[in-house]
C-alpha atoms as a PDB file:
ATOM      1  CA  UNK A   1      -2.409  15.162  34.694  1.00  0.00           C
ATOM      2  CA  UNK A   2       0.577  12.815  34.296  1.00  0.00           C
ATOM      3  CA  UNK A   3      -1.487  10.423  32.157  1.00  0.00           C
ATOM      4  CA  UNK A   4      -2.537  13.179  29.763  1.00  0.00           C
ATOM      5  CA  UNK A   5       1.065  14.407  29.532  1.00  0.00           C
ATOM      6  CA  UNK A   6       2.216  10.850  28.708  1.00  0.00           C
ATOM      7  CA  UNK A   7      -0.511  10.530  26.059  1.00  0.00           C
ATOM      8  CA  UNK A   8       0.464  13.862  24.526  1.00  0.00           C
ATOM      9  CA  UNK A   9       4.135  12.848  24.458  1.00  0.00           C
ATOM     10  CA  UNK A  10       3.290   9.508  22.850  1.00  0.00           C
ATOM     11  CA  UNK A  11       1.177  11.222  20.188  1.00  0.00           C
ATOM     12  CA  UNK A  12       4.000  13.664  19.434  1.00  0.00           C
ATOM     13  CA  UNK A  13       6.493  10.804  19.054  1.00  0.00           C
ATOM     14  CA  UNK A  14       4.177   8.899  16.711  1.00  0.00           C
ATOM     15  CA  UNK A  15       3.726  12.017  14.593  1.00  0.00           C
ATOM     16  CA  UNK A  16       7.486  12.529  14.385  1.00  0.00           C
ATOM     17  CA  UNK A  17       8.029   8.921  13.317  1.00  0.00           C
ATOM     18  CA  UNK A  18       5.418   9.151  10.559  1.00  0.00           C
ATOM     19  CA  UNK A  19       6.958  12.380   9.272  1.00  0.00           C
ATOM     20  CA  UNK A  20      10.408  10.748   9.194  1.00  0.00           C
ATOM     21  CA  UNK A  21       9.186   8.032   6.822  1.00  0.00           C
ATOM     22  CA  UNK A  22       9.487   9.654   3.433  1.00  0.00           C
ATOM     23  CA  UNK A  23       7.988   8.421   0.196  1.00  0.00           C
ATOM     24  CA  UNK A  24      10.066   6.460  -2.292  1.00  0.00           C
ATOM     25  CA  UNK A  25      10.005   7.799  -5.847  1.00  0.00           C
ATOM     26  CA  UNK A  26      10.638   5.520  -8.820  1.00  0.00           C
ATOM     27  CA  UNK A  27      12.421   7.672 -11.395  1.00  0.00           C
ATOM     28  CA  UNK A  28      13.451   7.617 -15.049  1.00  0.00           C
ATOM     29  CA  UNK A  29      15.363  10.064 -17.224  1.00  0.00           C
ATOM     30  CA  UNK A  30      13.243  13.130 -18.025  1.00  0.00           C
ATOM     31  CA  UNK A  31      13.562  12.338 -21.747  1.00  0.00           C
ATOM     32  CA  UNK A  32      12.641   8.654 -21.374  1.00  0.00           C
ATOM     33  CA  UNK A  33      10.076   7.421 -23.872  1.00  0.00           C
ATOM     34  CA  UNK A  34       9.120   4.337 -21.849  1.00  0.00           C
ATOM     35  CA  UNK A  35       6.905   4.536 -18.803  1.00  0.00           C
ATOM     36  CA  UNK A  36       6.948   1.059 -17.271  1.00  0.00           C
ATOM     37  CA  UNK A  37       4.216  -0.104 -14.925  1.00  0.00           C
ATOM     38  CA  UNK A  38       4.912  -1.198 -11.360  1.00  0.00           C
ATOM     39  CA  UNK A  39       5.046  -4.856 -12.455  1.00  0.00           C
ATOM     40  CA  UNK A  40       7.464  -3.919 -15.264  1.00  0.00           C
ATOM     41  CA  UNK A  41       9.641  -2.141 -12.687  1.00  0.00           C
ATOM     42  CA  UNK A  42       9.653  -5.291 -10.525  1.00  0.00           C
ATOM     43  CA  UNK A  43      10.802  -7.347 -13.514  1.00  0.00           C
ATOM     44  CA  UNK A  44      13.540  -4.829 -14.339  1.00  0.00           C
ATOM     45  CA  UNK A  45      14.893  -4.873 -10.772  1.00  0.00           C
ATOM     46  CA  UNK A  46      14.721  -8.680 -10.630  1.00  0.00           C
ATOM     47  CA  UNK A  47      16.702  -8.949 -13.872  1.00  0.00           C
ATOM     48  CA  UNK A  48      13.801 -10.465 -15.846  1.00  0.00           C
ATOM     49  CA  UNK A  49      13.292  -7.441 -18.119  1.00  0.00           C
ATOM     50  CA  UNK A  50      16.332  -5.915 -19.820  1.00  0.00           C
ATOM     51  CA  UNK A  51      14.479  -3.103 -21.614  1.00  0.00           C
ATOM     52  CA  UNK A  52      15.832  -0.541 -19.119  1.00  0.00           C
ATOM     53  CA  UNK A  53      18.933  -0.345 -16.920  1.00  0.00           C
ATOM     54  CA  UNK A  54      17.978  -0.611 -13.266  1.00  0.00           C
ATOM     55  CA  UNK A  55      20.133   1.463 -10.933  1.00  0.00           C
ATOM     56  CA  UNK A  56      20.191  -0.081  -7.468  1.00  0.00           C
ATOM     57  CA  UNK A  57      21.415   1.413  -4.212  1.00  0.00           C
ATOM     58  CA  UNK A  58      24.419  -0.194  -2.531  1.00  0.00           C
ATOM     59  CA  UNK A  59      23.862  -1.521   0.961  1.00  0.00           C
ATOM     60  CA  UNK A  60      20.508  -1.977   2.634  1.00  0.00           C
ATOM     61  CA  UNK A  61      18.836   1.283   3.707  1.00  0.00           C
ATOM     62  CA  UNK A  62      15.228   2.320   4.487  1.00  0.00           C
ATOM     63  CA  UNK A  63      14.596   3.550   0.916  1.00  0.00           C
ATOM     64  CA  UNK A  64      15.833   0.291  -0.611  1.00  0.00           C
ATOM     65  CA  UNK A  65      13.872  -1.745   1.928  1.00  0.00           C
ATOM     66  CA  UNK A  66      10.638   0.141   1.202  1.00  0.00           C
ATOM     67  CA  UNK A  67      11.151  -0.111  -2.564  1.00  0.00           C
ATOM     68  CA  UNK A  68      11.803  -3.849  -2.682  1.00  0.00           C
ATOM     69  CA  UNK A  69       9.051  -4.644  -0.179  1.00  0.00           C
ATOM     70  CA  UNK A  70       6.454  -2.693  -2.167  1.00  0.00           C
ATOM     71  CA  UNK A  71       7.531  -3.506  -5.723  1.00  0.00           C
ATOM     72  CA  UNK A  72       8.930  -7.055  -5.535  1.00  0.00           C
ATOM     73  CA  UNK A  73       7.537  -8.254  -2.177  1.00  0.00           C
ATOM     74  CA  UNK A  74      11.069  -9.287  -1.167  1.00  0.00           C
ATOM     75  CA  UNK A  75      13.084  -8.421   1.918  1.00  0.00           C
ATOM     76  CA  UNK A  76      16.885  -8.301   2.157  1.00  0.00           C
ATOM     77  CA  UNK A  77      17.469 -12.014   2.773  1.00  0.00           C
ATOM     78  CA  UNK A  78      14.970 -13.054   0.085  1.00  0.00           C
ATOM     79  CA  UNK A  79      16.612 -10.727  -2.433  1.00  0.00           C
ATOM     80  CA  UNK A  80      20.107 -12.029  -1.615  1.00  0.00           C
ATOM     81  CA  UNK A  81      18.871 -15.602  -1.967  1.00  0.00           C
ATOM     82  CA  UNK A  82      17.177 -14.756  -5.282  1.00  0.00           C
ATOM     83  CA  UNK A  83      20.345 -13.250  -6.770  1.00  0.00           C
ATOM     84  CA  UNK A  84      22.547 -16.048  -5.381  1.00  0.00           C
ATOM     85  CA  UNK A  85      20.402 -18.584  -7.231  1.00  0.00           C
ATOM     86  CA  UNK A  86      20.636 -16.657 -10.497  1.00  0.00           C
ATOM     87  CA  UNK A  87      24.390 -16.165 -10.185  1.00  0.00           C
ATOM     88  CA  UNK A  88      24.974 -19.829  -9.273  1.00  0.00           C
ATOM     89  CA  UNK A  89      23.007 -21.083 -12.276  1.00  0.00           C
ATOM     90  CA  UNK A  90      24.538 -18.512 -14.613  1.00  0.00           C
ATOM     91  CA  UNK A  91      21.145 -16.996 -15.400  1.00  0.00           C
ATOM     92  CA  UNK A  92      21.800 -13.470 -14.202  1.00  0.00           C
ATOM     93  CA  UNK A  93      23.903 -10.870 -12.440  1.00  0.00           C
ATOM     94  CA  UNK A  94      22.754  -8.251  -9.916  1.00  0.00           C
ATOM     95  CA  UNK A  95      22.112  -4.734 -11.161  1.00  0.00           C
ATOM     96  CA  UNK A  96      24.753  -2.058 -10.990  1.00  0.00           C
ATOM     97  CA  UNK A  97      24.574  -0.135  -7.739  1.00  0.00           C
ATOM     98  CA  UNK A  98      25.566   3.313  -6.593  1.00  0.00           C
ATOM     99  CA  UNK A  99      26.169   4.819  -3.176  1.00  0.00           C
ATOM    100  CA  UNK A 100      23.070   6.888  -2.412  1.00  0.00           C
ATOM    101  CA  UNK A 101      20.034   8.858  -3.616  1.00  0.00           C
ATOM    102  CA  UNK A 102      22.146  11.627  -5.158  1.00  0.00           C
ATOM    103  CA  UNK A 103      24.179   9.106  -7.165  1.00  0.00           C
ATOM    104  CA  UNK A 104      20.989   7.391  -8.393  1.00  0.00           C
ATOM    105  CA  UNK A 105      19.527  10.715  -9.518  1.00  0.00           C
ATOM    106  CA  UNK A 106      22.794  11.617 -11.273  1.00  0.00           C
ATOM    107  CA  UNK A 107      23.047   8.267 -13.097  1.00  0.00           C
ATOM    108  CA  UNK A 108      19.373   8.149 -14.099  1.00  0.00           C
ATOM    109  CA  UNK A 109      19.540  11.785 -15.206  1.00  0.00           C
ATOM    110  CA  UNK A 110      22.556  11.028 -17.401  1.00  0.00           C
ATOM    111  CA  UNK A 111      21.324   7.793 -19.040  1.00  0.00           C
ATOM    112  CA  UNK A 112      18.177   7.807 -21.165  1.00  0.00           C
ATOM    113  CA  UNK A 113      17.343   4.143 -20.516  1.00  0.00           C
ATOM    114  CA  UNK A 114      18.044   4.096 -16.753  1.00  0.00           C
ATOM    115  CA  UNK A 115      15.500   3.635 -13.967  1.00  0.00           C
ATOM    116  CA  UNK A 116      16.017   3.948 -10.229  1.00  0.00           C
ATOM    117  CA  UNK A 117      14.418   4.669  -6.882  1.00  0.00           C
ATOM    118  CA  UNK A 118      15.167   7.398  -4.346  1.00  0.00           C
ATOM    119  CA  UNK A 119      13.693   9.224  -1.389  1.00  0.00           C
ATOM    120  CA  UNK A 120      11.177  11.587  -3.003  1.00  0.00           C
ATOM    121  CA  UNK A 121      13.005  14.565  -1.446  1.00  0.00           C
ATOM    122  CA  UNK A 122      16.026  13.799  -3.680  1.00  0.00           C
ATOM    123  CA  UNK A 123      14.126  14.223  -6.986  1.00  0.00           C
ATOM    124  CA  UNK A 124      15.165  17.122  -9.227  1.00  0.00           C
ATOM    125  CA  UNK A 125      14.482  18.329 -12.767  1.00  0.00           C
ATOM    126  CA  UNK A 126      16.900  15.902 -14.426  1.00  0.00           C
ATOM    127  CA  UNK A 127      14.550  12.963 -13.762  1.00  0.00           C
ATOM    128  CA  UNK A 128      10.855  12.144 -14.070  1.00  0.00           C
ATOM    129  CA  UNK A 129       8.843  10.406 -11.344  1.00  0.00           C
ATOM    130  CA  UNK A 130       6.929   7.353 -12.592  1.00  0.00           C
ATOM    131  CA  UNK A 131       5.164   6.721  -9.285  1.00  0.00           C
ATOM    132  CA  UNK A 132       5.731   7.038  -5.558  1.00  0.00           C
ATOM    133  CA  UNK A 133       5.470   4.446  -2.825  1.00  0.00           C
ATOM    134  CA  UNK A 134       4.466   5.303   0.744  1.00  0.00           C
END
């Protein structure tokens, strides 16, 4: 009886953890003419493509971690190292960043050439979802 109760509790905890992990939505302004591919988005957020303004999130949070891992295959230390190299050589500057999902949605919704990423629950009518990441 105790073993089945432990198994049931473990299953419930695993279900709760999977529900807590929300999808990341890559968003653009609802009037945006461009619809970049996932590789284009990676280049925008790595400063290689200047066709759109990437809006980054300040600090390292689960949404930012999931986005960079899926789109650029970089973790926090790799990303910091990447930008340090570009800054040191004078070849680039990090993207502008804002505080949180709501600020990303507001900035992308206000600027026609902006692109950002947020928890999919933060998306509203002022932006268009290009794709989502699990």
